[in-house]
């Protein structure tokens, strides 16, 4: 499998499930290419292939190959040239927090935050976070850190942002349950939009589950609007 086009790894606690993630969110595989990926998956002993979130063009190709939708995500966008991003309005409670780089040494804590925020089967582990960071040619990780010095600053939220083909993507945003509704998610979202604007990107995209009302409210509060298209996660049994 050409890793410039797609990557595969074992997924979740259930044996035999191979996750296939497109390396670029704009990728639309050719039918022969997709058949080759499925042949490669069978040779690994996989019994099921599951995709990452797919845009409509790619989803149509996977549907033609026998994949079925198992989850639907709301896709939202904001035109970065229309208005300045809204400033954070809520102050984090109990302690001062700052926004700073999310280093790979933070990934173990970030993965735990992701697990607590989303739970199975949608939580990401350390390898998933690395995959997310490389889902676009340019990426950036940021965290919200409570007061402290150096390594002692507790990480309570993080965001991974990417850029490709003139667009920005807020690829993952997670806040520790003990620190939700304290302004951390909003601060990271505004920070991500500012970074995209400084790079000259014209539009930003984000997706979230249809049932995640808190995230939908957050994104709408800074100017995102829902698009007609939906993203989907798809799956196909090989045996």
C-alpha atoms as a PDB file:
ATOM      1  CA  UNK A   1       0.000   0.000   0.000  1.00  0.00           C
ATOM      2  CA  UNK A   2       1.291   3.432  -0.981  1.00  0.00           C
ATOM      3  CA  UNK A   3       1.461   5.338   2.316  1.00  0.00           C
ATOM      4  CA  UNK A   4       1.354   8.609   0.399  1.00  0.00           C
ATOM      5  CA  UNK A   5      -2.254   7.692  -0.412  1.00  0.00           C
ATOM      6  CA  UNK A   6      -3.481   5.622   2.543  1.00  0.00           C
ATOM      7  CA  UNK A   7      -2.342   3.957   5.749  1.00  0.00           C
ATOM      8  CA  UNK A   8      -3.650   0.863   7.487  1.00  0.00           C
ATOM      9  CA  UNK A   9      -3.451  -0.226  11.126  1.00  0.00           C
ATOM     10  CA  UNK A  10      -5.274  -2.554  13.472  1.00  0.00           C
ATOM     11  CA  UNK A  11      -8.190  -0.794  15.130  1.00  0.00           C
ATOM     12  CA  UNK A  12      -9.895  -1.109  18.493  1.00  0.00           C
ATOM     13  CA  UNK A  13     -10.236  -4.041  20.873  1.00  0.00           C
ATOM     14  CA  UNK A  14     -12.004  -6.359  18.427  1.00  0.00           C
ATOM     15  CA  UNK A  15      -9.529  -8.679  16.627  1.00  0.00           C
ATOM     16  CA  UNK A  16      -9.349  -8.608  12.867  1.00  0.00           C
ATOM     17  CA  UNK A  17     -10.526  -5.029  12.278  1.00  0.00           C
ATOM     18  CA  UNK A  18      -8.143  -3.077  10.043  1.00  0.00           C
ATOM     19  CA  UNK A  19      -8.594   0.681   9.825  1.00  0.00           C
ATOM     20  CA  UNK A  20      -7.879   2.260   6.457  1.00  0.00           C
ATOM     21  CA  UNK A  21      -7.171   6.000   6.648  1.00  0.00           C
ATOM     22  CA  UNK A  22      -6.659   8.150   3.582  1.00  0.00           C
ATOM     23  CA  UNK A  23      -3.392  10.066   3.878  1.00  0.00           C
ATOM     24  CA  UNK A  24      -4.933  13.241   2.450  1.00  0.00           C
ATOM     25  CA  UNK A  25      -8.537  14.176   3.121  1.00  0.00           C
ATOM     26  CA  UNK A  26      -8.861  15.232  -0.527  1.00  0.00           C
ATOM     27  CA  UNK A  27      -7.913  11.744  -1.776  1.00  0.00           C
ATOM     28  CA  UNK A  28     -10.469   9.881  -3.905  1.00  0.00           C
ATOM     29  CA  UNK A  29      -9.106   6.393  -4.631  1.00  0.00           C
ATOM     30  CA  UNK A  30      -9.436   4.858  -8.069  1.00  0.00           C
ATOM     31  CA  UNK A  31     -11.480   1.607  -8.163  1.00  0.00           C
ATOM     32  CA  UNK A  32      -8.439  -0.541  -9.002  1.00  0.00           C
ATOM     33  CA  UNK A  33      -6.455   1.155  -6.256  1.00  0.00           C
ATOM     34  CA  UNK A  34      -9.165   0.429  -3.689  1.00  0.00           C
ATOM     35  CA  UNK A  35      -9.396  -3.195  -4.788  1.00  0.00           C
ATOM     36  CA  UNK A  36      -5.653  -3.468  -4.282  1.00  0.00           C
ATOM     37  CA  UNK A  37      -5.977  -2.088  -0.740  1.00  0.00           C
ATOM     38  CA  UNK A  38      -8.631  -4.695   0.051  1.00  0.00           C
ATOM     39  CA  UNK A  39      -6.400  -7.461  -1.336  1.00  0.00           C
ATOM     40  CA  UNK A  40      -3.592  -6.192   0.896  1.00  0.00           C
ATOM     41  CA  UNK A  41      -5.960  -6.215   3.890  1.00  0.00           C
ATOM     42  CA  UNK A  42      -6.981  -9.814   3.234  1.00  0.00           C
ATOM     43  CA  UNK A  43      -3.348 -10.871   3.123  1.00  0.00           C
ATOM     44  CA  UNK A  44      -2.865  -9.464   6.646  1.00  0.00           C
ATOM     45  CA  UNK A  45      -5.609 -11.766   7.951  1.00  0.00           C
ATOM     46  CA  UNK A  46      -8.093  -8.955   8.536  1.00  0.00           C
ATOM     47  CA  UNK A  47     -11.757  -9.931   8.653  1.00  0.00           C
ATOM     48  CA  UNK A  48     -13.146  -6.387   8.493  1.00  0.00           C
ATOM     49  CA  UNK A  49     -11.955  -3.090   7.011  1.00  0.00           C
ATOM     50  CA  UNK A  50     -13.101   0.159   8.577  1.00  0.00           C
ATOM     51  CA  UNK A  51     -12.434   3.626   7.179  1.00  0.00           C
ATOM     52  CA  UNK A  52     -11.658   6.956   8.754  1.00  0.00           C
ATOM     53  CA  UNK A  53     -14.044   9.858   8.115  1.00  0.00           C
ATOM     54  CA  UNK A  54     -14.668  10.132   4.378  1.00  0.00           C
ATOM     55  CA  UNK A  55     -15.723  13.094   2.285  1.00  0.00           C
ATOM     56  CA  UNK A  56     -18.532  12.415  -0.219  1.00  0.00           C
ATOM     57  CA  UNK A  57     -16.300  11.748  -3.230  1.00  0.00           C
ATOM     58  CA  UNK A  58     -14.251   9.103  -1.445  1.00  0.00           C
ATOM     59  CA  UNK A  59     -17.349   7.684   0.275  1.00  0.00           C
ATOM     60  CA  UNK A  60     -18.957   7.031  -3.117  1.00  0.00           C
ATOM     61  CA  UNK A  61     -15.926   4.983  -4.208  1.00  0.00           C
ATOM     62  CA  UNK A  62     -15.996   2.936  -0.998  1.00  0.00           C
ATOM     63  CA  UNK A  63     -19.753   2.375  -1.367  1.00  0.00           C
ATOM     64  CA  UNK A  64     -19.147   1.026  -4.880  1.00  0.00           C
ATOM     65  CA  UNK A  65     -16.669  -1.421  -3.311  1.00  0.00           C
ATOM     66  CA  UNK A  66     -19.288  -2.792  -0.899  1.00  0.00           C
ATOM     67  CA  UNK A  67     -18.698  -0.624   2.171  1.00  0.00           C
ATOM     68  CA  UNK A  68     -21.637   0.447   4.355  1.00  0.00           C
ATOM     69  CA  UNK A  69     -22.036   3.542   6.524  1.00  0.00           C
ATOM     70  CA  UNK A  70     -21.672   2.933  10.278  1.00  0.00           C
ATOM     71  CA  UNK A  71     -21.480   6.540  11.503  1.00  0.00           C
ATOM     72  CA  UNK A  72     -22.413   9.967  10.159  1.00  0.00           C
ATOM     73  CA  UNK A  73     -20.693  13.229  11.064  1.00  0.00           C
ATOM     74  CA  UNK A  74     -21.844  16.810  10.655  1.00  0.00           C
ATOM     75  CA  UNK A  75     -19.464  18.776   8.424  1.00  0.00           C
ATOM     76  CA  UNK A  76     -19.164  22.506   9.223  1.00  0.00           C
ATOM     77  CA  UNK A  77     -17.252  25.326   7.588  1.00  0.00           C
ATOM     78  CA  UNK A  78     -16.266  28.935   8.089  1.00  0.00           C
ATOM     79  CA  UNK A  79     -14.964  31.351   5.443  1.00  0.00           C
ATOM     80  CA  UNK A  80     -11.872  32.790   7.076  1.00  0.00           C
ATOM     81  CA  UNK A  81     -11.975  36.050   5.140  1.00  0.00           C
ATOM     82  CA  UNK A  82     -15.511  36.985   6.174  1.00  0.00           C
ATOM     83  CA  UNK A  83     -14.897  38.100   9.746  1.00  0.00           C
ATOM     84  CA  UNK A  84     -12.406  38.061  12.566  1.00  0.00           C
ATOM     85  CA  UNK A  85     -12.743  34.954  14.777  1.00  0.00           C
ATOM     86  CA  UNK A  86     -14.603  35.578  18.016  1.00  0.00           C
ATOM     87  CA  UNK A  87     -12.441  36.025  21.094  1.00  0.00           C
ATOM     88  CA  UNK A  88     -12.821  33.626  24.023  1.00  0.00           C
ATOM     89  CA  UNK A  89     -15.428  34.850  26.493  1.00  0.00           C
ATOM     90  CA  UNK A  90     -15.186  32.336  29.334  1.00  0.00           C
ATOM     91  CA  UNK A  91     -12.336  32.280  31.797  1.00  0.00           C
ATOM     92  CA  UNK A  92     -11.131  28.799  32.857  1.00  0.00           C
ATOM     93  CA  UNK A  93     -12.258  28.148  36.392  1.00  0.00           C
ATOM     94  CA  UNK A  94     -10.022  27.389  39.361  1.00  0.00           C
ATOM     95  CA  UNK A  95      -6.709  28.065  37.623  1.00  0.00           C
ATOM     96  CA  UNK A  96      -5.097  30.162  34.922  1.00  0.00           C
ATOM     97  CA  UNK A  97      -4.495  28.285  31.679  1.00  0.00           C
ATOM     98  CA  UNK A  98      -2.280  29.021  28.705  1.00  0.00           C
ATOM     99  CA  UNK A  99      -2.212  27.742  25.127  1.00  0.00           C
ATOM    100  CA  UNK A 100       1.026  26.224  23.876  1.00  0.00           C
ATOM    101  CA  UNK A 101       2.533  23.638  21.537  1.00  0.00           C
ATOM    102  CA  UNK A 102       1.374  20.036  21.851  1.00  0.00           C
ATOM    103  CA  UNK A 103       4.587  18.015  21.662  1.00  0.00           C
ATOM    104  CA  UNK A 104       4.746  14.312  20.975  1.00  0.00           C
ATOM    105  CA  UNK A 105       5.823  13.805  24.589  1.00  0.00           C
ATOM    106  CA  UNK A 106       2.315  15.024  25.486  1.00  0.00           C
ATOM    107  CA  UNK A 107       0.568  12.394  23.349  1.00  0.00           C
ATOM    108  CA  UNK A 108       0.126   9.836  26.145  1.00  0.00           C
ATOM    109  CA  UNK A 109      -1.731  12.402  28.270  1.00  0.00           C
ATOM    110  CA  UNK A 110      -3.634  13.669  25.217  1.00  0.00           C
ATOM    111  CA  UNK A 111      -4.738  10.110  24.412  1.00  0.00           C
ATOM    112  CA  UNK A 112      -6.051   9.711  27.973  1.00  0.00           C
ATOM    113  CA  UNK A 113      -7.972  12.998  27.645  1.00  0.00           C
ATOM    114  CA  UNK A 114      -9.386  11.753  24.343  1.00  0.00           C
ATOM    115  CA  UNK A 115     -10.463   8.465  25.944  1.00  0.00           C
ATOM    116  CA  UNK A 116     -12.190  10.234  28.828  1.00  0.00           C
ATOM    117  CA  UNK A 117     -13.851  12.789  26.552  1.00  0.00           C
ATOM    118  CA  UNK A 118     -15.153  10.422  23.878  1.00  0.00           C
ATOM    119  CA  UNK A 119     -15.095   6.880  25.289  1.00  0.00           C
ATOM    120  CA  UNK A 120     -15.124   3.675  23.249  1.00  0.00           C
ATOM    121  CA  UNK A 121     -15.259   3.034  20.387  1.00  0.00           C
ATOM    122  CA  UNK A 122     -14.461   6.577  19.201  1.00  0.00           C
ATOM    123  CA  UNK A 123     -11.531   7.457  21.457  1.00  0.00           C
ATOM    124  CA  UNK A 124      -8.045   7.773  19.949  1.00  0.00           C
ATOM    125  CA  UNK A 125      -4.869   6.189  21.256  1.00  0.00           C
ATOM    126  CA  UNK A 126      -1.320   7.491  20.776  1.00  0.00           C
ATOM    127  CA  UNK A 127      -0.977   5.939  17.313  1.00  0.00           C
ATOM    128  CA  UNK A 128      -4.328   7.420  16.271  1.00  0.00           C
ATOM    129  CA  UNK A 129      -3.192  10.891  17.321  1.00  0.00           C
ATOM    130  CA  UNK A 130      -0.044  10.501  15.252  1.00  0.00           C
ATOM    131  CA  UNK A 131      -2.171   9.426  12.268  1.00  0.00           C
ATOM    132  CA  UNK A 132      -4.399  12.476  12.740  1.00  0.00           C
ATOM    133  CA  UNK A 133      -1.380  14.764  12.797  1.00  0.00           C
ATOM    134  CA  UNK A 134      -0.260  13.347   9.450  1.00  0.00           C
ATOM    135  CA  UNK A 135      -3.683  13.319   7.768  1.00  0.00           C
ATOM    136  CA  UNK A 136      -2.780  16.618   6.067  1.00  0.00           C
ATOM    137  CA  UNK A 137       0.524  17.775   4.563  1.00  0.00           C
ATOM    138  CA  UNK A 138       0.836  20.566   7.167  1.00  0.00           C
ATOM    139  CA  UNK A 139      -0.278  20.102  10.766  1.00  0.00           C
ATOM    140  CA  UNK A 140      -0.076  21.732  14.170  1.00  0.00           C
ATOM    141  CA  UNK A 141      -0.840  20.499  17.682  1.00  0.00           C
ATOM    142  CA  UNK A 142      -1.808  22.827  20.528  1.00  0.00           C
ATOM    143  CA  UNK A 143      -2.703  22.243  24.153  1.00  0.00           C
ATOM    144  CA  UNK A 144      -4.268  24.038  27.084  1.00  0.00           C
ATOM    145  CA  UNK A 145      -2.001  23.864  30.130  1.00  0.00           C
ATOM    146  CA  UNK A 146      -2.882  24.830  33.696  1.00  0.00           C
ATOM    147  CA  UNK A 147      -0.507  26.899  35.819  1.00  0.00           C
ATOM    148  CA  UNK A 148       2.793  25.254  36.596  1.00  0.00           C
ATOM    149  CA  UNK A 149       6.424  25.229  35.632  1.00  0.00           C
ATOM    150  CA  UNK A 150       7.976  23.297  32.762  1.00  0.00           C
ATOM    151  CA  UNK A 151       6.942  19.647  32.684  1.00  0.00           C
ATOM    152  CA  UNK A 152       4.640  20.087  35.679  1.00  0.00           C
ATOM    153  CA  UNK A 153       2.014  22.067  33.719  1.00  0.00           C
ATOM    154  CA  UNK A 154      -1.054  19.783  33.486  1.00  0.00           C
ATOM    155  CA  UNK A 155      -2.526  19.328  30.014  1.00  0.00           C
ATOM    156  CA  UNK A 156      -6.331  19.585  30.143  1.00  0.00           C
ATOM    157  CA  UNK A 157      -7.282  19.979  26.460  1.00  0.00           C
ATOM    158  CA  UNK A 158      -5.738  19.722  23.024  1.00  0.00           C
ATOM    159  CA  UNK A 159      -6.415  20.438  19.374  1.00  0.00           C
ATOM    160  CA  UNK A 160      -4.824  19.113  16.189  1.00  0.00           C
ATOM    161  CA  UNK A 161      -5.157  21.333  13.139  1.00  0.00           C
ATOM    162  CA  UNK A 162      -4.121  20.717   9.543  1.00  0.00           C
ATOM    163  CA  UNK A 163      -3.900  22.497   6.205  1.00  0.00           C
ATOM    164  CA  UNK A 164      -4.246  21.136   2.678  1.00  0.00           C
ATOM    165  CA  UNK A 165      -5.314  22.428  -0.740  1.00  0.00           C
ATOM    166  CA  UNK A 166      -5.928  25.944   0.580  1.00  0.00           C
ATOM    167  CA  UNK A 167      -8.230  24.805   3.381  1.00  0.00           C
ATOM    168  CA  UNK A 168      -7.792  24.366   7.110  1.00  0.00           C
ATOM    169  CA  UNK A 169      -9.061  21.430   9.138  1.00  0.00           C
ATOM    170  CA  UNK A 170      -9.739  21.310  12.860  1.00  0.00           C
ATOM    171  CA  UNK A 171      -9.030  17.601  12.974  1.00  0.00           C
ATOM    172  CA  UNK A 172      -9.412  16.795  16.663  1.00  0.00           C
ATOM    173  CA  UNK A 173     -10.459  18.746  19.733  1.00  0.00           C
ATOM    174  CA  UNK A 174     -10.776  17.130  23.156  1.00  0.00           C
ATOM    175  CA  UNK A 175     -11.214  18.559  26.645  1.00  0.00           C
ATOM    176  CA  UNK A 176     -10.820  16.606  29.878  1.00  0.00           C
ATOM    177  CA  UNK A 177     -14.306  16.080  31.393  1.00  0.00           C
ATOM    178  CA  UNK A 178     -13.234  17.779  34.645  1.00  0.00           C
ATOM    179  CA  UNK A 179     -12.368  20.946  32.698  1.00  0.00           C
ATOM    180  CA  UNK A 180     -15.182  21.153  30.174  1.00  0.00           C
ATOM    181  CA  UNK A 181     -17.351  24.285  29.830  1.00  0.00           C
ATOM    182  CA  UNK A 182     -14.457  26.392  31.110  1.00  0.00           C
ATOM    183  CA  UNK A 183     -13.432  28.011  27.828  1.00  0.00           C
ATOM    184  CA  UNK A 184     -10.611  25.644  26.856  1.00  0.00           C
ATOM    185  CA  UNK A 185     -12.295  24.257  23.742  1.00  0.00           C
ATOM    186  CA  UNK A 186     -13.233  27.729  22.573  1.00  0.00           C
ATOM    187  CA  UNK A 187      -9.709  29.062  23.176  1.00  0.00           C
ATOM    188  CA  UNK A 188      -8.202  26.237  21.122  1.00  0.00           C
ATOM    189  CA  UNK A 189     -10.738  26.707  18.326  1.00  0.00           C
ATOM    190  CA  UNK A 190     -10.024  30.441  18.075  1.00  0.00           C
ATOM    191  CA  UNK A 191      -6.292  29.724  18.201  1.00  0.00           C
ATOM    192  CA  UNK A 192      -6.670  27.240  15.322  1.00  0.00           C
ATOM    193  CA  UNK A 193      -8.640  29.711  13.199  1.00  0.00           C
ATOM    194  CA  UNK A 194      -6.039  32.409  13.829  1.00  0.00           C
ATOM    195  CA  UNK A 195      -3.271  30.050  12.651  1.00  0.00           C
ATOM    196  CA  UNK A 196      -5.239  29.199   9.510  1.00  0.00           C
ATOM    197  CA  UNK A 197      -5.835  32.867   8.764  1.00  0.00           C
ATOM    198  CA  UNK A 198      -2.156  33.709   9.138  1.00  0.00           C
ATOM    199  CA  UNK A 199      -1.330  30.950   6.638  1.00  0.00           C
ATOM    200  CA  UNK A 200      -3.636  32.571   4.099  1.00  0.00           C
ATOM    201  CA  UNK A 201      -6.161  29.740   4.086  1.00  0.00           C
ATOM    202  CA  UNK A 202      -9.577  30.667   2.741  1.00  0.00           C
ATOM    203  CA  UNK A 203     -11.818  28.243   4.585  1.00  0.00           C
ATOM    204  CA  UNK A 204     -11.820  25.998   7.647  1.00  0.00           C
ATOM    205  CA  UNK A 205     -13.652  22.696   8.074  1.00  0.00           C
ATOM    206  CA  UNK A 206     -14.526  20.713  11.171  1.00  0.00           C
ATOM    207  CA  UNK A 207     -16.686  17.675  11.771  1.00  0.00           C
ATOM    208  CA  UNK A 208     -18.368  16.183  14.805  1.00  0.00           C
ATOM    209  CA  UNK A 209     -20.972  13.563  15.623  1.00  0.00           C
ATOM    210  CA  UNK A 210     -24.573  14.543  15.009  1.00  0.00           C
ATOM    211  CA  UNK A 211     -25.273  13.867  18.707  1.00  0.00           C
ATOM    212  CA  UNK A 212     -22.438  16.049  20.070  1.00  0.00           C
ATOM    213  CA  UNK A 213     -24.533  19.120  20.810  1.00  0.00           C
ATOM    214  CA  UNK A 214     -21.862  20.765  22.976  1.00  0.00           C
ATOM    215  CA  UNK A 215     -19.344  20.697  20.121  1.00  0.00           C
ATOM    216  CA  UNK A 216     -21.943  21.874  17.600  1.00  0.00           C
ATOM    217  CA  UNK A 217     -22.834  24.819  19.852  1.00  0.00           C
ATOM    218  CA  UNK A 218     -19.153  25.697  20.300  1.00  0.00           C
ATOM    219  CA  UNK A 219     -18.378  25.718  16.591  1.00  0.00           C
ATOM    220  CA  UNK A 220     -21.488  27.724  15.767  1.00  0.00           C
ATOM    221  CA  UNK A 221     -20.559  30.273  18.436  1.00  0.00           C
ATOM    222  CA  UNK A 222     -17.334  31.152  16.576  1.00  0.00           C
ATOM    223  CA  UNK A 223     -18.964  31.315  13.153  1.00  0.00           C
ATOM    224  CA  UNK A 224     -19.051  27.785  11.730  1.00  0.00           C
ATOM    225  CA  UNK A 225     -22.162  26.783   9.808  1.00  0.00           C
ATOM    226  CA  UNK A 226     -23.356  23.290   8.875  1.00  0.00           C
ATOM    227  CA  UNK A 227     -22.909  22.089   5.319  1.00  0.00           C
ATOM    228  CA  UNK A 228     -25.317  19.946   3.357  1.00  0.00           C
ATOM    229  CA  UNK A 229     -22.682  17.240   2.887  1.00  0.00           C
ATOM    230  CA  UNK A 230     -22.017  14.805   5.699  1.00  0.00           C
ATOM    231  CA  UNK A 231     -18.872  12.813   6.421  1.00  0.00           C
ATOM    232  CA  UNK A 232     -19.229   9.096   6.974  1.00  0.00           C
ATOM    233  CA  UNK A 233     -17.283   6.258   8.538  1.00  0.00           C
ATOM    234  CA  UNK A 234     -17.728   3.048   6.540  1.00  0.00           C
ATOM    235  CA  UNK A 235     -17.044  -0.630   7.062  1.00  0.00           C
ATOM    236  CA  UNK A 236     -16.936  -3.829   5.044  1.00  0.00           C
ATOM    237  CA  UNK A 237     -16.547  -7.476   6.043  1.00  0.00           C
ATOM    238  CA  UNK A 238     -13.900  -9.378   4.106  1.00  0.00           C
ATOM    239  CA  UNK A 239     -15.009 -12.834   5.195  1.00  0.00           C
END
